[in-house]
């Protein structure tokens, strides 16, 4: 059974940095795209950043130049480096990945979410 587990969230002051991690575990054949979404208070879930299996990245305009998505295929882990954090970045951040296993074709998996709070 595949699981995604996020870590690295917390409380940070404006202008600070955090690095989120998303570790995939289980019997995995391939991890295709990985992405980070977030849902702020009273807001809909939105895409923050995405990375393909080949390493092509895409960012929401609000985080471009401040956030960097990456992945370590050997560790089945994705990362989101967040710099110059702003109060409006406060949200629950969710990891998403499209994963194939020996028993099934590609399927969409979600992590449980990790809280990021930017406040002085």
C-alpha atoms as a PDB file:
ATOM      1  CA  UNK A   1       0.000   0.000   0.000  1.00  0.00           C
ATOM      2  CA  UNK A   2       1.387   3.351  -1.042  1.00  0.00           C
ATOM      3  CA  UNK A   3       1.534   6.242   1.391  1.00  0.00           C
ATOM      4  CA  UNK A   4       2.737   9.818   1.105  1.00  0.00           C
ATOM      5  CA  UNK A   5       4.017  11.399   4.294  1.00  0.00           C
ATOM      6  CA  UNK A   6       4.782  15.107   4.491  1.00  0.00           C
ATOM      7  CA  UNK A   7       7.060  16.765   6.999  1.00  0.00           C
ATOM      8  CA  UNK A   8       8.766  20.091   7.580  1.00  0.00           C
ATOM      9  CA  UNK A   9       5.873  22.405   8.282  1.00  0.00           C
ATOM     10  CA  UNK A  10       5.757  24.780  11.199  1.00  0.00           C
ATOM     11  CA  UNK A  11       5.677  28.387  12.348  1.00  0.00           C
ATOM     12  CA  UNK A  12       8.043  30.848  10.702  1.00  0.00           C
ATOM     13  CA  UNK A  13       8.384  34.606  10.673  1.00  0.00           C
ATOM     14  CA  UNK A  14       7.770  36.614   7.503  1.00  0.00           C
ATOM     15  CA  UNK A  15      10.839  36.498   5.307  1.00  0.00           C
ATOM     16  CA  UNK A  16      11.864  33.130   6.693  1.00  0.00           C
ATOM     17  CA  UNK A  17      12.300  29.762   5.017  1.00  0.00           C
ATOM     18  CA  UNK A  18      11.003  26.225   5.351  1.00  0.00           C
ATOM     19  CA  UNK A  19      11.612  23.035   3.435  1.00  0.00           C
ATOM     20  CA  UNK A  20       8.792  20.549   3.094  1.00  0.00           C
ATOM     21  CA  UNK A  21       9.434  16.900   2.333  1.00  0.00           C
ATOM     22  CA  UNK A  22       7.114  14.266   0.880  1.00  0.00           C
ATOM     23  CA  UNK A  23       8.235  10.671   1.225  1.00  0.00           C
ATOM     24  CA  UNK A  24       6.478   7.937  -0.720  1.00  0.00           C
ATOM     25  CA  UNK A  25       6.525   4.475   0.790  1.00  0.00           C
ATOM     26  CA  UNK A  26       5.228   1.082  -0.233  1.00  0.00           C
ATOM     27  CA  UNK A  27       5.790  -1.154  -3.235  1.00  0.00           C
ATOM     28  CA  UNK A  28       6.319   1.403  -5.976  1.00  0.00           C
ATOM     29  CA  UNK A  29       7.073   0.818  -9.641  1.00  0.00           C
ATOM     30  CA  UNK A  30       7.252   4.400 -10.818  1.00  0.00           C
ATOM     31  CA  UNK A  31       6.514   7.892  -9.577  1.00  0.00           C
ATOM     32  CA  UNK A  32       5.411  10.148 -12.380  1.00  0.00           C
ATOM     33  CA  UNK A  33       4.449  13.730 -11.577  1.00  0.00           C
ATOM     34  CA  UNK A  34       4.709  15.157  -8.087  1.00  0.00           C
ATOM     35  CA  UNK A  35       3.093  18.341  -6.891  1.00  0.00           C
ATOM     36  CA  UNK A  36       2.394  20.504  -3.885  1.00  0.00           C
ATOM     37  CA  UNK A  37      -0.992  22.054  -3.229  1.00  0.00           C
ATOM     38  CA  UNK A  38      -2.116  24.297  -0.408  1.00  0.00           C
ATOM     39  CA  UNK A  39      -5.371  25.322   1.191  1.00  0.00           C
ATOM     40  CA  UNK A  40      -5.479  28.518   3.204  1.00  0.00           C
ATOM     41  CA  UNK A  41      -8.178  29.462   5.721  1.00  0.00           C
ATOM     42  CA  UNK A  42     -11.456  29.946   3.895  1.00  0.00           C
ATOM     43  CA  UNK A  43      -9.862  29.280   0.527  1.00  0.00           C
ATOM     44  CA  UNK A  44      -9.993  26.536  -2.064  1.00  0.00           C
ATOM     45  CA  UNK A  45      -7.108  24.162  -2.544  1.00  0.00           C
ATOM     46  CA  UNK A  46      -4.671  25.514  -5.120  1.00  0.00           C
ATOM     47  CA  UNK A  47      -1.681  24.189  -7.000  1.00  0.00           C
ATOM     48  CA  UNK A  48       1.587  25.628  -5.727  1.00  0.00           C
ATOM     49  CA  UNK A  49       4.209  23.783  -7.755  1.00  0.00           C
ATOM     50  CA  UNK A  50       4.588  20.657  -9.842  1.00  0.00           C
ATOM     51  CA  UNK A  51       7.443  18.603 -11.262  1.00  0.00           C
ATOM     52  CA  UNK A  52       7.308  15.929 -13.936  1.00  0.00           C
ATOM     53  CA  UNK A  53       9.196  12.671 -13.934  1.00  0.00           C
ATOM     54  CA  UNK A  54      11.711  14.287 -16.229  1.00  0.00           C
ATOM     55  CA  UNK A  55      12.226  17.258 -13.943  1.00  0.00           C
ATOM     56  CA  UNK A  56      10.189  19.933 -15.699  1.00  0.00           C
ATOM     57  CA  UNK A  57       8.746  22.333 -13.153  1.00  0.00           C
ATOM     58  CA  UNK A  58       5.752  24.626 -13.001  1.00  0.00           C
ATOM     59  CA  UNK A  59       4.827  27.219 -10.369  1.00  0.00           C
ATOM     60  CA  UNK A  60       1.888  29.321  -9.344  1.00  0.00           C
ATOM     61  CA  UNK A  61       2.529  32.958 -10.079  1.00  0.00           C
ATOM     62  CA  UNK A  62       2.284  33.880  -6.413  1.00  0.00           C
ATOM     63  CA  UNK A  63       5.275  31.708  -5.465  1.00  0.00           C
ATOM     64  CA  UNK A  64       7.450  31.927  -8.563  1.00  0.00           C
ATOM     65  CA  UNK A  65      10.951  33.035  -7.645  1.00  0.00           C
ATOM     66  CA  UNK A  66      10.439  32.193  -3.966  1.00  0.00           C
ATOM     67  CA  UNK A  67       9.612  28.470  -3.940  1.00  0.00           C
ATOM     68  CA  UNK A  68      11.540  25.617  -5.542  1.00  0.00           C
ATOM     69  CA  UNK A  69      10.181  22.128  -6.130  1.00  0.00           C
ATOM     70  CA  UNK A  70      12.559  19.207  -6.517  1.00  0.00           C
ATOM     71  CA  UNK A  71      12.649  15.446  -6.214  1.00  0.00           C
ATOM     72  CA  UNK A  72      15.069  12.672  -5.363  1.00  0.00           C
ATOM     73  CA  UNK A  73      13.980   9.665  -7.390  1.00  0.00           C
ATOM     74  CA  UNK A  74      16.356   7.334  -5.570  1.00  0.00           C
ATOM     75  CA  UNK A  75      14.641   8.184  -2.285  1.00  0.00           C
ATOM     76  CA  UNK A  76      11.084   8.428  -3.680  1.00  0.00           C
ATOM     77  CA  UNK A  77      10.924  11.846  -2.053  1.00  0.00           C
ATOM     78  CA  UNK A  78       9.821  15.254  -3.184  1.00  0.00           C
ATOM     79  CA  UNK A  79      10.693  18.611  -1.679  1.00  0.00           C
ATOM     80  CA  UNK A  80       9.381  22.143  -1.608  1.00  0.00           C
ATOM     81  CA  UNK A  81      11.901  24.785  -0.591  1.00  0.00           C
ATOM     82  CA  UNK A  82      10.043  27.912   0.476  1.00  0.00           C
ATOM     83  CA  UNK A  83      11.960  31.175   0.860  1.00  0.00           C
ATOM     84  CA  UNK A  84      10.884  34.749   1.558  1.00  0.00           C
ATOM     85  CA  UNK A  85       7.708  33.478   3.148  1.00  0.00           C
ATOM     86  CA  UNK A  86       4.748  35.830   3.491  1.00  0.00           C
ATOM     87  CA  UNK A  87       1.720  35.705   5.807  1.00  0.00           C
ATOM     88  CA  UNK A  88      -0.429  34.868   2.775  1.00  0.00           C
ATOM     89  CA  UNK A  89       1.537  31.637   2.357  1.00  0.00           C
ATOM     90  CA  UNK A  90      -0.103  30.373   5.537  1.00  0.00           C
ATOM     91  CA  UNK A  91      -1.958  27.178   4.647  1.00  0.00           C
ATOM     92  CA  UNK A  92      -2.065  23.437   4.949  1.00  0.00           C
ATOM     93  CA  UNK A  93       0.303  22.095   2.304  1.00  0.00           C
ATOM     94  CA  UNK A  94      -0.489  18.787   0.627  1.00  0.00           C
ATOM     95  CA  UNK A  95       1.774  16.537  -1.382  1.00  0.00           C
ATOM     96  CA  UNK A  96       0.358  14.835  -4.470  1.00  0.00           C
ATOM     97  CA  UNK A  97       1.946  12.173  -6.634  1.00  0.00           C
ATOM     98  CA  UNK A  98       0.961   9.930  -9.512  1.00  0.00           C
ATOM     99  CA  UNK A  99       2.345   6.506  -8.689  1.00  0.00           C
ATOM    100  CA  UNK A 100       2.281   3.119 -10.363  1.00  0.00           C
ATOM    101  CA  UNK A 101       2.654  -0.127  -8.446  1.00  0.00           C
ATOM    102  CA  UNK A 102       3.198  -3.713  -9.661  1.00  0.00           C
ATOM    103  CA  UNK A 103      -0.525  -4.331  -9.166  1.00  0.00           C
ATOM    104  CA  UNK A 104      -1.980  -1.168 -10.653  1.00  0.00           C
ATOM    105  CA  UNK A 105      -1.388   1.485 -13.237  1.00  0.00           C
ATOM    106  CA  UNK A 106      -0.839   5.126 -12.348  1.00  0.00           C
ATOM    107  CA  UNK A 107      -2.991   6.389  -9.499  1.00  0.00           C
ATOM    108  CA  UNK A 108      -3.301   9.725  -7.736  1.00  0.00           C
ATOM    109  CA  UNK A 109      -2.105   9.731  -4.121  1.00  0.00           C
ATOM    110  CA  UNK A 110      -2.327  12.482  -1.477  1.00  0.00           C
ATOM    111  CA  UNK A 111      -0.509  13.110   1.756  1.00  0.00           C
ATOM    112  CA  UNK A 112      -2.219  14.061   4.992  1.00  0.00           C
ATOM    113  CA  UNK A 113      -1.086  17.673   4.864  1.00  0.00           C
ATOM    114  CA  UNK A 114       1.330  19.747   6.912  1.00  0.00           C
ATOM    115  CA  UNK A 115       0.566  23.149   8.420  1.00  0.00           C
ATOM    116  CA  UNK A 116       2.678  26.138   7.468  1.00  0.00           C
ATOM    117  CA  UNK A 117       2.061  29.322   9.443  1.00  0.00           C
ATOM    118  CA  UNK A 118       3.845  32.562   8.592  1.00  0.00           C
ATOM    119  CA  UNK A 119       3.442  35.087  11.369  1.00  0.00           C
ATOM    120  CA  UNK A 120       5.437  37.469  13.481  1.00  0.00           C
END
